[in-house]
Amino acid sequence: MAMDAHEIETLIKEAMPDAEVNIEDLRGDGDHYAAYVTSASFKGKSRVKQHQMVYNALKGRMGNELHALALQTTVPEGA
């Protein structure tokens, strides 16, 4: 069963309350998304660690309900 964009956003914001999250359904199939996540919690962490934080926020749904997620993570300016 596919996930909807709102559910992805909710899970990420539960794990990182300060996050700004934008989700784009890449194919309109509810199975392939792009996520743009900005959070101060990424400061000082490698891009790999930042992505792991997002995947952890999805609580094991990556590869199951969520087939593909293209991630772009950033630290807010001034953080």
C-alpha atoms as a PDB file:
ATOM      1  CA  MET A   1       0.000   0.000   0.000  1.00  0.00           C
ATOM      2  CA  ALA A   2       1.365   3.394  -1.001  1.00  0.00           C
ATOM      3  CA  MET A   3       1.896   6.316   1.371  1.00  0.00           C
ATOM      4  CA  ASP A   4       0.498   9.749   0.754  1.00  0.00           C
ATOM      5  CA  ALA A   5       2.568  12.925   0.890  1.00  0.00           C
ATOM      6  CA  HIS A   6       0.863  14.166   4.060  1.00  0.00           C
ATOM      7  CA  GLU A   7       1.802  10.992   5.942  1.00  0.00           C
ATOM      8  CA  ILE A   8       5.454  11.326   4.884  1.00  0.00           C
ATOM      9  CA  GLU A   9       5.511  14.964   6.001  1.00  0.00           C
ATOM     10  CA  THR A  10       3.869  14.114   9.327  1.00  0.00           C
ATOM     11  CA  LEU A  11       6.394  11.383  10.146  1.00  0.00           C
ATOM     12  CA  ILE A  12       9.343  13.646   9.350  1.00  0.00           C
ATOM     13  CA  LYS A  13       7.925  16.522  11.427  1.00  0.00           C
ATOM     14  CA  GLU A  14       7.268  14.188  14.367  1.00  0.00           C
ATOM     15  CA  ALA A  15      10.963  13.266  14.388  1.00  0.00           C
ATOM     16  CA  MET A  16      12.228  16.778  13.594  1.00  0.00           C
ATOM     17  CA  PRO A  17       9.651  19.325  14.829  1.00  0.00           C
ATOM     18  CA  ASP A  18      11.576  22.305  13.432  1.00  0.00           C
ATOM     19  CA  ALA A  19      11.728  20.824   9.916  1.00  0.00           C
ATOM     20  CA  GLU A  20      10.366  22.545   6.866  1.00  0.00           C
ATOM     21  CA  VAL A  21       9.174  19.722   4.602  1.00  0.00           C
ATOM     22  CA  ASN A  22       8.028  19.864   0.995  1.00  0.00           C
ATOM     23  CA  ILE A  23       6.929  16.641  -0.680  1.00  0.00           C
ATOM     24  CA  GLU A  24       6.467  16.209  -4.420  1.00  0.00           C
ATOM     25  CA  ASP A  25       4.748  13.172  -5.975  1.00  0.00           C
ATOM     26  CA  LEU A  26       7.054  12.563  -8.932  1.00  0.00           C
ATOM     27  CA  ARG A  27       4.820  10.232 -10.952  1.00  0.00           C
ATOM     28  CA  GLY A  28       1.372  10.818  -9.516  1.00  0.00           C
ATOM     29  CA  ASP A  29       1.287   7.199  -8.361  1.00  0.00           C
ATOM     30  CA  GLY A  30       1.767   7.736  -4.613  1.00  0.00           C
ATOM     31  CA  ASP A  31       4.869   5.552  -4.814  1.00  0.00           C
ATOM     32  CA  HIS A  32       7.689   7.835  -6.025  1.00  0.00           C
ATOM     33  CA  TYR A  33       8.331  11.049  -4.112  1.00  0.00           C
ATOM     34  CA  ALA A  34      10.894  13.791  -3.738  1.00  0.00           C
ATOM     35  CA  ALA A  35      11.313  15.279  -0.276  1.00  0.00           C
ATOM     36  CA  TYR A  36      12.979  18.598   0.467  1.00  0.00           C
ATOM     37  CA  VAL A  37      13.758  18.843   4.176  1.00  0.00           C
ATOM     38  CA  THR A  38      15.334  21.789   5.983  1.00  0.00           C
ATOM     39  CA  SER A  39      16.195  21.382   9.665  1.00  0.00           C
ATOM     40  CA  ALA A  40      18.652  22.849  12.156  1.00  0.00           C
ATOM     41  CA  SER A  41      19.136  19.296  13.457  1.00  0.00           C
ATOM     42  CA  PHE A  42      21.176  18.596  10.294  1.00  0.00           C
ATOM     43  CA  LYS A  43      23.847  21.133  11.300  1.00  0.00           C
ATOM     44  CA  GLY A  44      27.301  19.586  11.483  1.00  0.00           C
ATOM     45  CA  LYS A  45      26.142  16.259  10.073  1.00  0.00           C
ATOM     46  CA  SER A  46      27.223  14.700   6.794  1.00  0.00           C
ATOM     47  CA  ARG A  47      24.728  14.436   3.949  1.00  0.00           C
ATOM     48  CA  VAL A  48      24.591  10.659   4.548  1.00  0.00           C
ATOM     49  CA  LYS A  49      23.749  11.161   8.232  1.00  0.00           C
ATOM     50  CA  GLN A  50      21.095  13.749   7.326  1.00  0.00           C
ATOM     51  CA  HIS A  51      19.450  11.284   4.951  1.00  0.00           C
ATOM     52  CA  GLN A  52      19.633   8.531   7.571  1.00  0.00           C
ATOM     53  CA  MET A  53      17.800  10.829   9.981  1.00  0.00           C
ATOM     54  CA  VAL A  54      14.971  11.242   7.458  1.00  0.00           C
ATOM     55  CA  TYR A  55      14.839   7.499   6.718  1.00  0.00           C
ATOM     56  CA  ASN A  56      14.719   6.776  10.472  1.00  0.00           C
ATOM     57  CA  ALA A  57      11.816   9.217  10.788  1.00  0.00           C
ATOM     58  CA  LEU A  58       9.887   7.088   8.273  1.00  0.00           C
ATOM     59  CA  LYS A  59       9.950   4.184  10.767  1.00  0.00           C
ATOM     60  CA  GLY A  60      10.783   1.346   8.375  1.00  0.00           C
ATOM     61  CA  ARG A  61       8.326   2.342   5.661  1.00  0.00           C
ATOM     62  CA  MET A  62      11.091   3.092   3.137  1.00  0.00           C
ATOM     63  CA  GLY A  63      11.203   0.161   0.725  1.00  0.00           C
ATOM     64  CA  ASN A  64       7.813  -1.084   1.896  1.00  0.00           C
ATOM     65  CA  GLU A  65       4.881   1.342   1.665  1.00  0.00           C
ATOM     66  CA  LEU A  66       7.243   3.931   0.205  1.00  0.00           C
ATOM     67  CA  HIS A  67       9.031   2.637  -2.865  1.00  0.00           C
ATOM     68  CA  ALA A  68      11.241   5.585  -3.851  1.00  0.00           C
ATOM     69  CA  LEU A  69      12.189   8.822  -2.144  1.00  0.00           C
ATOM     70  CA  ALA A  70      14.607  11.328  -3.671  1.00  0.00           C
ATOM     71  CA  LEU A  71      15.952  13.395  -0.773  1.00  0.00           C
ATOM     72  CA  GLN A  72      17.387  16.865  -0.592  1.00  0.00           C
ATOM     73  CA  THR A  73      18.371  18.002   2.897  1.00  0.00           C
ATOM     74  CA  THR A  74      19.636  21.410   3.994  1.00  0.00           C
ATOM     75  CA  VAL A  75      20.403  23.399   7.120  1.00  0.00           C
ATOM     76  CA  PRO A  76      18.500  26.700   7.413  1.00  0.00           C
ATOM     77  CA  GLU A  77      20.527  29.836   6.845  1.00  0.00           C
ATOM     78  CA  GLY A  78      21.834  31.283  10.072  1.00  0.00           C
ATOM     79  CA  ALA A  79      21.577  27.982  11.963  1.00  0.00           C
END
